[in-house]
Amino acid sequence: MEAIQSIRVGPVDYEVVLEPLSEISHRGRSCTGYVSFDGLKIVMATKNPPARLFGIMWHEVVHAIDDLLHVGLEEKQVDQLGYGIMMVLRDNPALRSMPEWEKEVSAG
């Protein structure tokens, strides 16, 4: 996974902190990643397989979106959406960058 320094979610920039561990402790629990809303950080344990790390990142991004938009997702829903986004991006590489819709529309 390419090193990402920060992730913007709406108006909020989260610093990405990579911990060279397989699990990290957050609020007395063992986990592979978390969002520090007060510290504006997304922290991830990087001693995981690349596909797992990609899933951890998207899980934490969904938490950040949920917090910004006050959706109120449960942890299982965050898991499901994170992996859903990851699968769509994995299977559709063209979606990894902003499509240039206006070129296709004007050419049609």
Foldseek 3Di string as FASTA:
>chain_A
DDDDQWDDDVPAIAGEAEDQACWDDDPRDIHQWEADPVNRYTYGHPPDPPLVRQLSVLLRSLVVNCVVVVVDDDSVVSSVVSVVVSVVCVVPVVVVDDDPVVVVVVVD
